[in-house]
Amino acid sequence: MEFAGSHREATVFHHPAWSQVLVAAYGYRPSVLLQDDTNGAVAAGIPTLEVQRLSPRRRFTALPFTDYCPPLATSEDSLAALTTALLRWQRSGHIHQLVVHGDMSSIAGIHVVSRAVRHLLPLDCTREEYLRRIKGNQVDRAIKKAQREGVTARISRTEADTDTFYQLHVETRRRQGVPVQPKRFFRLLWRLVIDRGLGFVVLAQKDGQPIAGAVYLAWNDHVIYKYGASDARFWDLRPNNLVMWTAIEWACVHGYRDLDFGRSDIDNHGLREFKRRWGAVEIPLNYSYVTTARPAPWPGLSRQIMARIIQSSPSVVCRLTGELLYGRLPGLAS
């Protein structure tokens, strides 16, 4: 924790609280892999979870259900030393595979796969300066439309509002054809992260009715957009834009350095364009595989079949599918 807290690039995903949520929700075994320098001080490290134990083919991930969690290192040499040590550990027969959601050093035996993209918005400005940057563009017009239509948005850290977001989240995931996380996961997220001041919920309302929301994680000068949800019947009021602006405004006021819009699939052009309009920079999202075998492609056909089933079924099917699959399939969309 001390090493992560002192590292400029560490995010809430490197904070022990995030791993605690995943351990409590899905039963994974946590560990932190560290590389010392010649003086015995920590020079590099990464949090991991053992996601498959009841098998001779033990698997670790850093971290499951986490868009981006690269190793932290004091220098390129330290990162190279950590990478070499992890490769040696894997080849010694202790584990079958370690998947790192980020880049490691480019050495033989490390398989790097570009899985998606992420968008990072620099916030080296005041609230007023950011408003001037977007003045007159589509984002600016959407925010103003939401406000004209009487949509309001507020930041919350209460358990009740986390539950309200979850209700929106279930319907959003059903519409997308993606299993939803078990409700216990969000209860743990509130207790271990949000209630500790490491995140917040933004809810947008129209005439007192919740119509959109998002969960943001915040620590060490970085804000991360983690989950978003909305009622499709109110999209023309642009509530999602007001939700995002509320989080950006909060981050600017509190001196945060950047906002990570999270993962976008490469073929999701609409979502990528939405994030770029805010001024976010698109960055390839690479995953590093420490394994003797090349990583297999993601099962696109089975995902398509599952999506059709969920979309054509009541929301209870979306929840039951999540109960069955999350924790058993750590490669599932987060």
C-alpha atoms as a PDB file:
ATOM      1  CA  MET A   1       0.000   0.000   0.000  1.00  0.00           C
ATOM      2  CA  GLU A   2       2.830   2.416   0.845  1.00  0.00           C
ATOM      3  CA  PHE A   3       4.542   1.765  -2.494  1.00  0.00           C
ATOM      4  CA  ALA A   4       1.319   2.205  -4.482  1.00  0.00           C
ATOM      5  CA  GLY A   5       0.371   5.344  -2.601  1.00  0.00           C
ATOM      6  CA  SER A   6       3.694   6.945  -3.467  1.00  0.00           C
ATOM      7  CA  HIS A   7       3.509   6.094  -7.172  1.00  0.00           C
ATOM      8  CA  ARG A   8       2.146   8.767  -9.485  1.00  0.00           C
ATOM      9  CA  GLU A   9       0.479   6.294 -11.852  1.00  0.00           C
ATOM     10  CA  ALA A  10      -1.261   4.185  -9.218  1.00  0.00           C
ATOM     11  CA  THR A  11      -5.056   4.198  -9.420  1.00  0.00           C
ATOM     12  CA  VAL A  12      -7.764   2.849  -7.150  1.00  0.00           C
ATOM     13  CA  PHE A  13      -7.306  -0.511  -8.899  1.00  0.00           C
ATOM     14  CA  HIS A  14      -3.909  -0.732  -7.159  1.00  0.00           C
ATOM     15  CA  HIS A  15      -5.512   0.112  -3.810  1.00  0.00           C
ATOM     16  CA  PRO A  16      -6.169  -2.906  -1.521  1.00  0.00           C
ATOM     17  CA  ALA A  17      -9.843  -1.942  -1.243  1.00  0.00           C
ATOM     18  CA  TRP A  18     -10.567  -2.890  -4.871  1.00  0.00           C
ATOM     19  CA  SER A  19      -8.996  -6.339  -4.470  1.00  0.00           C
ATOM     20  CA  GLN A  20     -10.957  -6.777  -1.236  1.00  0.00           C
ATOM     21  CA  VAL A  21     -14.205  -6.299  -3.151  1.00  0.00           C
ATOM     22  CA  LEU A  22     -13.258  -8.979  -5.694  1.00  0.00           C
ATOM     23  CA  VAL A  23     -12.062 -11.387  -3.003  1.00  0.00           C
ATOM     24  CA  ALA A  24     -15.216 -10.983  -0.898  1.00  0.00           C
ATOM     25  CA  ALA A  25     -17.538 -11.220  -3.910  1.00  0.00           C
ATOM     26  CA  TYR A  26     -15.952 -14.125  -5.783  1.00  0.00           C
ATOM     27  CA  GLY A  27     -13.634 -15.944  -3.398  1.00  0.00           C
ATOM     28  CA  TYR A  28     -10.347 -15.284  -5.184  1.00  0.00           C
ATOM     29  CA  ARG A  29      -7.029 -15.538  -3.347  1.00  0.00           C
ATOM     30  CA  PRO A  30      -5.083 -12.229  -3.283  1.00  0.00           C
ATOM     31  CA  SER A  31      -1.348 -11.662  -3.470  1.00  0.00           C
ATOM     32  CA  VAL A  32       1.033  -8.821  -4.293  1.00  0.00           C
ATOM     33  CA  LEU A  33       4.065  -9.626  -6.451  1.00  0.00           C
ATOM     34  CA  LEU A  34       7.029  -7.364  -5.662  1.00  0.00           C
ATOM     35  CA  GLN A  35      10.520  -6.782  -7.019  1.00  0.00           C
ATOM     36  CA  ASP A  36      13.143  -5.307  -4.704  1.00  0.00           C
ATOM     37  CA  ASP A  37      16.099  -3.198  -5.745  1.00  0.00           C
ATOM     38  CA  THR A  38      19.698  -3.824  -4.673  1.00  0.00           C
ATOM     39  CA  ASN A  39      19.047  -2.002  -1.395  1.00  0.00           C
ATOM     40  CA  GLY A  40      16.049  -4.147  -0.509  1.00  0.00           C
ATOM     41  CA  ALA A  41      13.466  -1.430  -1.225  1.00  0.00           C
ATOM     42  CA  VAL A  42      10.420  -2.149  -3.348  1.00  0.00           C
ATOM     43  CA  ALA A  43      11.143  -1.123  -6.935  1.00  0.00           C
ATOM     44  CA  ALA A  44       8.192  -2.664  -8.787  1.00  0.00           C
ATOM     45  CA  GLY A  45       5.036  -4.556  -8.051  1.00  0.00           C
ATOM     46  CA  ILE A  46       1.549  -5.565  -9.038  1.00  0.00           C
ATOM     47  CA  PRO A  47      -1.559  -6.840  -7.207  1.00  0.00           C
ATOM     48  CA  THR A  48      -2.898 -10.199  -8.419  1.00  0.00           C
ATOM     49  CA  LEU A  49      -5.746 -12.580  -7.697  1.00  0.00           C
ATOM     50  CA  GLU A  50      -5.587 -16.327  -8.136  1.00  0.00           C
ATOM     51  CA  VAL A  51      -8.697 -16.966 -10.200  1.00  0.00           C
ATOM     52  CA  GLN A  52      -8.341 -20.720 -10.711  1.00  0.00           C
ATOM     53  CA  ARG A  53      -7.054 -22.801  -7.798  1.00  0.00           C
ATOM     54  CA  LEU A  54      -8.919 -26.121  -7.884  1.00  0.00           C
ATOM     55  CA  SER A  55      -6.874 -27.303 -10.842  1.00  0.00           C
ATOM     56  CA  PRO A  56      -3.219 -28.115 -11.580  1.00  0.00           C
ATOM     57  CA  ARG A  57      -3.397 -25.263 -14.131  1.00  0.00           C
ATOM     58  CA  ARG A  58      -3.324 -22.380 -11.651  1.00  0.00           C
ATOM     59  CA  ARG A  59      -4.165 -19.001 -13.154  1.00  0.00           C
ATOM     60  CA  PHE A  60      -3.598 -15.487 -11.859  1.00  0.00           C
ATOM     61  CA  THR A  61      -4.943 -12.171 -13.141  1.00  0.00           C
ATOM     62  CA  ALA A  62      -3.938  -8.587 -12.415  1.00  0.00           C
ATOM     63  CA  LEU A  63      -6.767  -7.896 -12.043  1.00  0.00           C
ATOM     64  CA  PRO A  64     -10.036  -9.568 -13.092  1.00  0.00           C
ATOM     65  CA  PHE A  65     -12.999  -7.296 -13.887  1.00  0.00           C
ATOM     66  CA  THR A  66     -10.529  -4.415 -14.105  1.00  0.00           C
ATOM     67  CA  ASP A  67      -9.984  -2.532 -17.348  1.00  0.00           C
ATOM     68  CA  TYR A  68      -6.439  -1.389 -16.698  1.00  0.00           C
ATOM     69  CA  CYS A  69      -4.026  -2.344 -13.928  1.00  0.00           C
ATOM     70  CA  PRO A  70      -0.413  -2.175 -15.140  1.00  0.00           C
ATOM     71  CA  PRO A  71       2.598  -2.965 -12.971  1.00  0.00           C
ATOM     72  CA  LEU A  72       4.014  -0.056 -10.998  1.00  0.00           C
ATOM     73  CA  ALA A  73       7.760   0.489 -11.215  1.00  0.00           C
ATOM     74  CA  THR A  74      10.321   3.113 -10.278  1.00  0.00           C
ATOM     75  CA  SER A  75      12.138   2.711 -13.610  1.00  0.00           C
ATOM     76  CA  GLU A  76      12.188   0.768 -16.871  1.00  0.00           C
ATOM     77  CA  ASP A  77      14.962  -1.407 -15.440  1.00  0.00           C
ATOM     78  CA  SER A  78      12.830  -2.236 -12.414  1.00  0.00           C
ATOM     79  CA  LEU A  79       9.889  -3.153 -14.648  1.00  0.00           C
ATOM     80  CA  ALA A  80      12.183  -5.373 -16.733  1.00  0.00           C
ATOM     81  CA  ALA A  81      13.443  -7.092 -13.590  1.00  0.00           C
ATOM     82  CA  LEU A  82       9.867  -7.728 -12.407  1.00  0.00           C
ATOM     83  CA  THR A  83       8.869  -9.048 -15.842  1.00  0.00           C
ATOM     84  CA  THR A  84      11.839 -11.402 -15.935  1.00  0.00           C
ATOM     85  CA  ALA A  85      11.104 -12.659 -12.423  1.00  0.00           C
ATOM     86  CA  LEU A  86       7.438 -13.321 -13.258  1.00  0.00           C
ATOM     87  CA  LEU A  87       8.398 -15.194 -16.401  1.00  0.00           C
ATOM     88  CA  ARG A  88      10.854 -17.314 -14.419  1.00  0.00           C
ATOM     89  CA  TRP A  89       8.144 -17.973 -11.799  1.00  0.00           C
ATOM     90  CA  GLN A  90       5.693 -19.119 -14.469  1.00  0.00           C
ATOM     91  CA  ARG A  91       8.218 -21.374 -16.199  1.00  0.00           C
ATOM     92  CA  SER A  92       9.223 -23.006 -12.925  1.00  0.00           C
ATOM     93  CA  GLY A  93       5.869 -24.766 -12.986  1.00  0.00           C
ATOM     94  CA  HIS A  94       4.178 -22.849 -10.202  1.00  0.00           C
ATOM     95  CA  ILE A  95       1.459 -21.414 -12.450  1.00  0.00           C
ATOM     96  CA  HIS A  96      -0.059 -21.983 -15.856  1.00  0.00           C
ATOM     97  CA  GLN A  97      -0.798 -18.373 -16.697  1.00  0.00           C
ATOM     98  CA  LEU A  98      -0.613 -14.807 -15.405  1.00  0.00           C
ATOM     99  CA  VAL A  99      -2.657 -12.191 -17.252  1.00  0.00           C
ATOM    100  CA  VAL A 100      -1.696  -8.555 -16.654  1.00  0.00           C
ATOM    101  CA  HIS A 101      -4.163  -5.886 -17.726  1.00  0.00           C
ATOM    102  CA  GLY A 102      -1.475  -3.547 -18.982  1.00  0.00           C
ATOM    103  CA  ASP A 103       1.952  -3.481 -20.589  1.00  0.00           C
ATOM    104  CA  MET A 104       4.970  -5.287 -19.242  1.00  0.00           C
ATOM    105  CA  SER A 105       8.502  -5.174 -20.596  1.00  0.00           C
ATOM    106  CA  SER A 106       8.894  -6.506 -24.128  1.00  0.00           C
ATOM    107  CA  ILE A 107      10.913  -9.661 -23.627  1.00  0.00           C
ATOM    108  CA  ALA A 108      10.666 -13.140 -25.135  1.00  0.00           C
ATOM    109  CA  GLY A 109       7.897 -15.150 -23.504  1.00  0.00           C
ATOM    110  CA  ILE A 110       5.557 -12.215 -22.880  1.00  0.00           C
ATOM    111  CA  HIS A 111       2.581 -12.257 -25.245  1.00  0.00           C
ATOM    112  CA  VAL A 112       1.041  -8.806 -25.678  1.00  0.00           C
ATOM    113  CA  VAL A 113      -2.466  -8.624 -27.124  1.00  0.00           C
ATOM    114  CA  SER A 114      -4.375  -5.439 -27.973  1.00  0.00           C
ATOM    115  CA  ARG A 115      -7.819  -6.157 -26.563  1.00  0.00           C
ATOM    116  CA  ALA A 116      -9.534  -2.759 -26.834  1.00  0.00           C
ATOM    117  CA  VAL A 117      -8.901   0.962 -26.286  1.00  0.00           C
ATOM    118  CA  ARG A 118      -9.208   3.275 -23.306  1.00  0.00           C
ATOM    119  CA  HIS A 119      -9.769   7.019 -23.196  1.00  0.00           C
ATOM    120  CA  LEU A 120      -7.952   9.354 -20.829  1.00  0.00           C
ATOM    121  CA  LEU A 121      -9.062  12.936 -20.253  1.00  0.00           C
ATOM    122  CA  PRO A 122      -6.364  15.258 -18.838  1.00  0.00           C
ATOM    123  CA  LEU A 123      -7.776  17.618 -16.208  1.00  0.00           C
ATOM    124  CA  ASP A 124      -4.942  20.112 -15.938  1.00  0.00           C
ATOM    125  CA  CYS A 125      -7.470  22.938 -15.839  1.00  0.00           C
ATOM    126  CA  THR A 126     -10.153  24.622 -13.785  1.00  0.00           C
ATOM    127  CA  ARG A 127     -13.847  24.016 -14.237  1.00  0.00           C
ATOM    128  CA  GLU A 128     -14.178  27.264 -16.188  1.00  0.00           C
ATOM    129  CA  GLU A 129     -11.234  26.449 -18.454  1.00  0.00           C
ATOM    130  CA  TYR A 130     -12.695  23.066 -19.317  1.00  0.00           C
ATOM    131  CA  LEU A 131     -16.055  24.638 -20.157  1.00  0.00           C
ATOM    132  CA  ARG A 132     -14.275  26.988 -22.555  1.00  0.00           C
ATOM    133  CA  ARG A 133     -12.593  23.987 -24.231  1.00  0.00           C
ATOM    134  CA  ILE A 134     -15.902  22.325 -25.057  1.00  0.00           C
ATOM    135  CA  LYS A 135     -17.935  25.484 -25.714  1.00  0.00           C
ATOM    136  CA  GLY A 136     -20.192  25.065 -28.717  1.00  0.00           C
ATOM    137  CA  ASN A 137     -19.395  21.405 -29.440  1.00  0.00           C
ATOM    138  CA  GLN A 138     -21.815  18.480 -29.233  1.00  0.00           C
ATOM    139  CA  VAL A 139     -21.005  17.761 -25.598  1.00  0.00           C
ATOM    140  CA  ASP A 140     -21.664  21.353 -24.569  1.00  0.00           C
ATOM    141  CA  ARG A 141     -24.971  21.395 -26.415  1.00  0.00           C
ATOM    142  CA  ALA A 142     -26.027  18.082 -24.863  1.00  0.00           C
ATOM    143  CA  ILE A 143     -25.272  19.274 -21.320  1.00  0.00           C
ATOM    144  CA  LYS A 144     -27.262  22.453 -21.867  1.00  0.00           C
ATOM    145  CA  LYS A 145     -30.179  20.531 -23.354  1.00  0.00           C
ATOM    146  CA  ALA A 146     -30.358  18.257 -20.320  1.00  0.00           C
ATOM    147  CA  GLN A 147     -30.376  21.272 -18.045  1.00  0.00           C
ATOM    148  CA  ARG A 148     -33.072  23.038 -20.113  1.00  0.00           C
ATOM    149  CA  GLU A 149     -35.245  19.912 -19.963  1.00  0.00           C
ATOM    150  CA  GLY A 150     -35.124  19.950 -16.174  1.00  0.00           C
ATOM    151  CA  VAL A 151     -32.717  17.050 -15.708  1.00  0.00           C
ATOM    152  CA  THR A 152     -30.671  17.347 -12.536  1.00  0.00           C
ATOM    153  CA  ALA A 153     -27.613  15.375 -11.431  1.00  0.00           C
ATOM    154  CA  ARG A 154     -26.022  14.941  -8.036  1.00  0.00           C
ATOM    155  CA  ILE A 155     -23.105  13.136  -6.443  1.00  0.00           C
ATOM    156  CA  SER A 156     -23.833  10.611  -3.712  1.00  0.00           C
ATOM    157  CA  ARG A 157     -22.023   8.109  -1.504  1.00  0.00           C
ATOM    158  CA  THR A 158     -25.083   6.566   0.158  1.00  0.00           C
ATOM    159  CA  GLU A 159     -25.973   2.890   0.051  1.00  0.00           C
ATOM    160  CA  ALA A 160     -29.531   3.735  -1.024  1.00  0.00           C
ATOM    161  CA  ASP A 161     -28.320   5.594  -4.117  1.00  0.00           C
ATOM    162  CA  THR A 162     -25.917   2.759  -4.931  1.00  0.00           C
ATOM    163  CA  ASP A 163     -28.947   0.441  -4.893  1.00  0.00           C
ATOM    164  CA  THR A 164     -30.849   2.865  -7.134  1.00  0.00           C
ATOM    165  CA  PHE A 165     -27.970   2.813  -9.604  1.00  0.00           C
ATOM    166  CA  TYR A 166     -27.971  -0.991  -9.537  1.00  0.00           C
ATOM    167  CA  GLN A 167     -31.611  -1.085 -10.617  1.00  0.00           C
ATOM    168  CA  LEU A 168     -30.743   1.053 -13.653  1.00  0.00           C
ATOM    169  CA  HIS A 169     -27.660  -1.069 -14.227  1.00  0.00           C
ATOM    170  CA  VAL A 170     -29.638  -4.325 -14.422  1.00  0.00           C
ATOM    171  CA  GLU A 171     -31.906  -2.982 -17.157  1.00  0.00           C
ATOM    172  CA  THR A 172     -28.961  -1.476 -19.048  1.00  0.00           C
ATOM    173  CA  ARG A 173     -27.046  -4.765 -19.032  1.00  0.00           C
ATOM    174  CA  ARG A 174     -30.145  -6.645 -20.185  1.00  0.00           C
ATOM    175  CA  ARG A 175     -30.529  -4.209 -23.069  1.00  0.00           C
ATOM    176  CA  GLN A 176     -26.858  -4.712 -23.973  1.00  0.00           C
ATOM    177  CA  GLY A 177     -27.089  -8.488 -23.647  1.00  0.00           C
ATOM    178  CA  VAL A 178     -24.395  -8.643 -20.966  1.00  0.00           C
ATOM    179  CA  PRO A 179     -24.712 -10.478 -17.606  1.00  0.00           C
ATOM    180  CA  VAL A 180     -24.982  -8.152 -14.647  1.00  0.00           C
ATOM    181  CA  GLN A 181     -22.837  -8.435 -11.544  1.00  0.00           C
ATOM    182  CA  PRO A 182     -24.518  -9.969  -8.484  1.00  0.00           C
ATOM    183  CA  LYS A 183     -26.097  -7.413  -6.205  1.00  0.00           C
ATOM    184  CA  ARG A 184     -23.724  -8.471  -3.415  1.00  0.00           C
ATOM    185  CA  PHE A 185     -20.867  -7.147  -5.552  1.00  0.00           C
ATOM    186  CA  PHE A 186     -22.347  -3.641  -5.504  1.00  0.00           C
ATOM    187  CA  ARG A 187     -23.086  -3.874  -1.792  1.00  0.00           C
ATOM    188  CA  LEU A 188     -19.414  -4.709  -1.236  1.00  0.00           C
ATOM    189  CA  LEU A 189     -18.349  -1.962  -3.627  1.00  0.00           C
ATOM    190  CA  TRP A 190     -20.317   0.528  -1.554  1.00  0.00           C
ATOM    191  CA  ARG A 191     -19.022  -0.754   1.813  1.00  0.00           C
ATOM    192  CA  LEU A 192     -15.356  -1.249   0.914  1.00  0.00           C
ATOM    193  CA  VAL A 193     -14.797   1.500  -1.667  1.00  0.00           C
ATOM    194  CA  ILE A 194     -17.460   4.192  -1.958  1.00  0.00           C
ATOM    195  CA  ASP A 195     -18.217   4.528   1.754  1.00  0.00           C
ATOM    196  CA  ARG A 196     -14.456   4.863   2.389  1.00  0.00           C
ATOM    197  CA  GLY A 197     -14.268   7.907   0.134  1.00  0.00           C
ATOM    198  CA  LEU A 198     -12.659   6.060  -2.794  1.00  0.00           C
ATOM    199  CA  GLY A 199     -15.514   6.656  -5.206  1.00  0.00           C
ATOM    200  CA  PHE A 200     -19.007   8.002  -5.683  1.00  0.00           C
ATOM    201  CA  VAL A 201     -22.244   7.594  -7.610  1.00  0.00           C
ATOM    202  CA  VAL A 202     -23.728  10.230  -9.897  1.00  0.00           C
ATOM    203  CA  LEU A 203     -27.492  10.027 -10.431  1.00  0.00           C
ATOM    204  CA  ALA A 204     -29.476  12.041 -12.962  1.00  0.00           C
ATOM    205  CA  GLN A 205     -33.179  12.586 -12.343  1.00  0.00           C
ATOM    206  CA  LYS A 206     -36.173  13.976 -14.176  1.00  0.00           C
ATOM    207  CA  ASP A 207     -39.124  14.988 -11.996  1.00  0.00           C
ATOM    208  CA  GLY A 208     -37.699  12.901  -9.171  1.00  0.00           C
ATOM    209  CA  GLN A 209     -37.277   9.761 -11.285  1.00  0.00           C
ATOM    210  CA  PRO A 210     -33.756   8.312 -11.714  1.00  0.00           C
ATOM    211  CA  ILE A 211     -33.021   8.113 -15.450  1.00  0.00           C
ATOM    212  CA  ALA A 212     -29.238   7.720 -15.651  1.00  0.00           C
ATOM    213  CA  GLY A 213     -26.261   7.174 -13.412  1.00  0.00           C
ATOM    214  CA  ALA A 214     -22.649   6.133 -13.152  1.00  0.00           C
ATOM    215  CA  VAL A 215     -20.154   4.803 -10.636  1.00  0.00           C
ATOM    216  CA  TYR A 216     -16.769   6.543 -10.457  1.00  0.00           C
ATOM    217  CA  LEU A 217     -13.705   5.430  -8.514  1.00  0.00           C
ATOM    218  CA  ALA A 218     -11.291   8.103  -7.283  1.00  0.00           C
ATOM    219  CA  TRP A 219      -7.892   7.940  -5.606  1.00  0.00           C
ATOM    220  CA  ASN A 220      -4.364   9.313  -5.993  1.00  0.00           C
ATOM    221  CA  ASP A 221      -5.461  12.143  -8.341  1.00  0.00           C
ATOM    222  CA  HIS A 222      -7.120   9.734 -10.825  1.00  0.00           C
ATOM    223  CA  VAL A 223     -10.869   9.368 -11.430  1.00  0.00           C
ATOM    224  CA  ILE A 224     -12.146   6.267 -13.228  1.00  0.00           C
ATOM    225  CA  TYR A 225     -15.521   5.923 -14.903  1.00  0.00           C
ATOM    226  CA  LYS A 226     -16.333   2.308 -14.005  1.00  0.00           C
ATOM    227  CA  TYR A 227     -20.033   1.639 -14.591  1.00  0.00           C
ATOM    228  CA  GLY A 228     -22.742   3.540 -16.435  1.00  0.00           C
ATOM    229  CA  ALA A 229     -26.476   2.976 -16.775  1.00  0.00           C
ATOM    230  CA  SER A 230     -29.485   4.773 -18.171  1.00  0.00           C
ATOM    231  CA  ASP A 231     -33.175   4.461 -19.025  1.00  0.00           C
ATOM    232  CA  ALA A 232     -33.386   4.391 -22.824  1.00  0.00           C
ATOM    233  CA  ARG A 233     -36.769   6.140 -22.752  1.00  0.00           C
ATOM    234  CA  PHE A 234     -35.036   9.366 -21.676  1.00  0.00           C
ATOM    235  CA  TRP A 235     -32.009   9.360 -23.959  1.00  0.00           C
ATOM    236  CA  ASP A 236     -33.309  12.328 -25.938  1.00  0.00           C
ATOM    237  CA  LEU A 237     -32.903  14.426 -22.753  1.00  0.00           C
ATOM    238  CA  ARG A 238     -29.141  13.710 -22.794  1.00  0.00           C
ATOM    239  CA  PRO A 239     -28.878  12.612 -19.125  1.00  0.00           C
ATOM    240  CA  ASN A 240     -25.667  10.641 -19.713  1.00  0.00           C
ATOM    241  CA  ASN A 241     -23.881  13.824 -20.749  1.00  0.00           C
ATOM    242  CA  LEU A 242     -25.015  15.608 -17.602  1.00  0.00           C
ATOM    243  CA  VAL A 243     -23.850  12.661 -15.469  1.00  0.00           C
ATOM    244  CA  MET A 244     -20.393  12.770 -17.043  1.00  0.00           C
ATOM    245  CA  TRP A 245     -20.133  16.538 -16.733  1.00  0.00           C
ATOM    246  CA  THR A 246     -21.063  16.354 -13.042  1.00  0.00           C
ATOM    247  CA  ALA A 247     -18.157  13.960 -12.430  1.00  0.00           C
ATOM    248  CA  ILE A 248     -15.709  16.044 -14.490  1.00  0.00           C
ATOM    249  CA  GLU A 249     -16.744  19.213 -12.676  1.00  0.00           C
ATOM    250  CA  TRP A 250     -16.186  17.497  -9.316  1.00  0.00           C
ATOM    251  CA  ALA A 251     -12.766  16.249 -10.435  1.00  0.00           C
ATOM    252  CA  CYS A 252     -11.705  19.709 -11.625  1.00  0.00           C
ATOM    253  CA  VAL A 253     -12.832  21.376  -8.400  1.00  0.00           C
ATOM    254  CA  HIS A 254     -10.994  18.800  -6.260  1.00  0.00           C
ATOM    255  CA  GLY A 255      -7.751  18.967  -8.239  1.00  0.00           C
ATOM    256  CA  TYR A 256      -7.712  15.516  -9.843  1.00  0.00           C
ATOM    257  CA  ARG A 257      -5.195  15.013 -12.632  1.00  0.00           C
ATOM    258  CA  ASP A 258      -7.240  12.984 -15.115  1.00  0.00           C
ATOM    259  CA  LEU A 259     -10.406  11.005 -15.738  1.00  0.00           C
ATOM    260  CA  ASP A 260     -10.232   7.553 -17.291  1.00  0.00           C
ATOM    261  CA  PHE A 261     -13.329   6.830 -19.389  1.00  0.00           C
ATOM    262  CA  GLY A 262     -12.544   3.122 -19.273  1.00  0.00           C
ATOM    263  CA  ARG A 263     -12.487   0.385 -21.828  1.00  0.00           C
ATOM    264  CA  SER A 264     -14.166   0.485 -25.252  1.00  0.00           C
ATOM    265  CA  ASP A 265     -14.227  -2.389 -27.723  1.00  0.00           C
ATOM    266  CA  ILE A 266     -12.492  -1.506 -30.955  1.00  0.00           C
ATOM    267  CA  ASP A 267     -15.633  -2.063 -33.037  1.00  0.00           C
ATOM    268  CA  ASN A 268     -17.812   0.107 -30.757  1.00  0.00           C
ATOM    269  CA  HIS A 269     -17.360   3.260 -32.825  1.00  0.00           C
ATOM    270  CA  GLY A 270     -20.279   5.118 -31.250  1.00  0.00           C
ATOM    271  CA  LEU A 271     -18.938   4.775 -27.723  1.00  0.00           C
ATOM    272  CA  ARG A 272     -15.426   5.695 -28.808  1.00  0.00           C
ATOM    273  CA  GLU A 273     -16.698   8.838 -30.514  1.00  0.00           C
ATOM    274  CA  PHE A 274     -18.746   9.799 -27.436  1.00  0.00           C
ATOM    275  CA  LYS A 275     -15.602   9.664 -25.297  1.00  0.00           C
ATOM    276  CA  ARG A 276     -13.440  11.534 -27.793  1.00  0.00           C
ATOM    277  CA  ARG A 277     -15.908  14.422 -27.869  1.00  0.00           C
ATOM    278  CA  TRP A 278     -15.015  15.200 -24.271  1.00  0.00           C
ATOM    279  CA  GLY A 279     -11.409  15.757 -25.294  1.00  0.00           C
ATOM    280  CA  ALA A 280     -10.233  12.331 -24.118  1.00  0.00           C
ATOM    281  CA  VAL A 281      -7.158  10.810 -25.763  1.00  0.00           C
ATOM    282  CA  GLU A 282      -7.610   7.302 -27.166  1.00  0.00           C
ATOM    283  CA  ILE A 283      -4.948   4.814 -26.041  1.00  0.00           C
ATOM    284  CA  PRO A 284      -4.530   1.145 -27.056  1.00  0.00           C
ATOM    285  CA  LEU A 285      -5.432  -1.193 -24.206  1.00  0.00           C
ATOM    286  CA  ASN A 286      -2.865  -3.982 -24.185  1.00  0.00           C
ATOM    287  CA  TYR A 287      -2.967  -7.088 -22.021  1.00  0.00           C
ATOM    288  CA  SER A 288       0.234  -9.025 -21.285  1.00  0.00           C
ATOM    289  CA  TYR A 289       0.154 -12.805 -20.966  1.00  0.00           C
ATOM    290  CA  VAL A 290       2.865 -14.600 -19.023  1.00  0.00           C
ATOM    291  CA  THR A 291       2.320 -18.131 -20.338  1.00  0.00           C
ATOM    292  CA  THR A 292       3.911 -20.814 -22.469  1.00  0.00           C
ATOM    293  CA  ALA A 293       0.947 -20.925 -24.862  1.00  0.00           C
ATOM    294  CA  ARG A 294      -0.291 -18.071 -26.997  1.00  0.00           C
ATOM    295  CA  PRO A 295      -3.556 -16.607 -25.651  1.00  0.00           C
ATOM    296  CA  ALA A 296      -6.666 -17.847 -27.415  1.00  0.00           C
ATOM    297  CA  PRO A 297      -8.999 -15.390 -29.161  1.00  0.00           C
ATOM    298  CA  TRP A 298     -12.027 -14.309 -27.232  1.00  0.00           C
ATOM    299  CA  PRO A 299     -15.132 -16.489 -27.849  1.00  0.00           C
ATOM    300  CA  GLY A 300     -17.070 -14.043 -29.973  1.00  0.00           C
ATOM    301  CA  LEU A 301     -19.785 -16.444 -31.179  1.00  0.00           C
ATOM    302  CA  SER A 302     -20.703 -17.685 -27.703  1.00  0.00           C
ATOM    303  CA  ARG A 303     -20.899 -14.096 -26.493  1.00  0.00           C
ATOM    304  CA  GLN A 304     -23.257 -13.224 -29.345  1.00  0.00           C
ATOM    305  CA  ILE A 305     -25.524 -16.165 -28.518  1.00  0.00           C
ATOM    306  CA  MET A 306     -25.561 -15.236 -24.823  1.00  0.00           C
ATOM    307  CA  ALA A 307     -26.346 -11.606 -25.708  1.00  0.00           C
ATOM    308  CA  ARG A 308     -29.382 -12.604 -27.793  1.00  0.00           C
ATOM    309  CA  ILE A 309     -30.730 -14.787 -24.983  1.00  0.00           C
ATOM    310  CA  ILE A 310     -30.357 -12.058 -22.363  1.00  0.00           C
ATOM    311  CA  GLN A 311     -31.846  -9.341 -24.579  1.00  0.00           C
ATOM    312  CA  SER A 312     -34.951 -11.409 -25.326  1.00  0.00           C
ATOM    313  CA  SER A 313     -35.512 -12.487 -21.706  1.00  0.00           C
ATOM    314  CA  PRO A 314     -36.784 -10.796 -18.525  1.00  0.00           C
ATOM    315  CA  SER A 315     -34.206  -8.977 -16.406  1.00  0.00           C
ATOM    316  CA  VAL A 316     -34.129 -11.879 -13.938  1.00  0.00           C
ATOM    317  CA  VAL A 317     -32.303 -13.926 -16.585  1.00  0.00           C
ATOM    318  CA  CYS A 318     -29.623 -11.229 -16.811  1.00  0.00           C
ATOM    319  CA  ARG A 319     -29.175 -11.393 -13.035  1.00  0.00           C
ATOM    320  CA  LEU A 320     -29.144 -15.199 -12.857  1.00  0.00           C
ATOM    321  CA  THR A 321     -26.603 -15.396 -15.684  1.00  0.00           C
ATOM    322  CA  GLY A 322     -24.364 -13.011 -13.780  1.00  0.00           C
ATOM    323  CA  GLU A 323     -24.741 -15.074 -10.582  1.00  0.00           C
ATOM    324  CA  LEU A 324     -23.666 -18.196 -12.469  1.00  0.00           C
ATOM    325  CA  LEU A 325     -20.815 -16.759 -14.547  1.00  0.00           C
ATOM    326  CA  TYR A 326     -19.131 -13.963 -12.593  1.00  0.00           C
ATOM    327  CA  GLY A 327     -16.337 -15.376 -10.492  1.00  0.00           C
ATOM    328  CA  ARG A 328     -16.147 -18.505 -12.641  1.00  0.00           C
ATOM    329  CA  LEU A 329     -15.206 -16.650 -15.822  1.00  0.00           C
ATOM    330  CA  PRO A 330     -12.866 -13.782 -14.819  1.00  0.00           C
ATOM    331  CA  GLY A 331     -12.382 -12.891 -18.484  1.00  0.00           C
ATOM    332  CA  LEU A 332     -16.046 -11.896 -18.724  1.00  0.00           C
ATOM    333  CA  ALA A 333     -16.738  -8.244 -19.524  1.00  0.00           C
ATOM    334  CA  SER A 334     -16.580  -6.295 -16.254  1.00  0.00           C
END
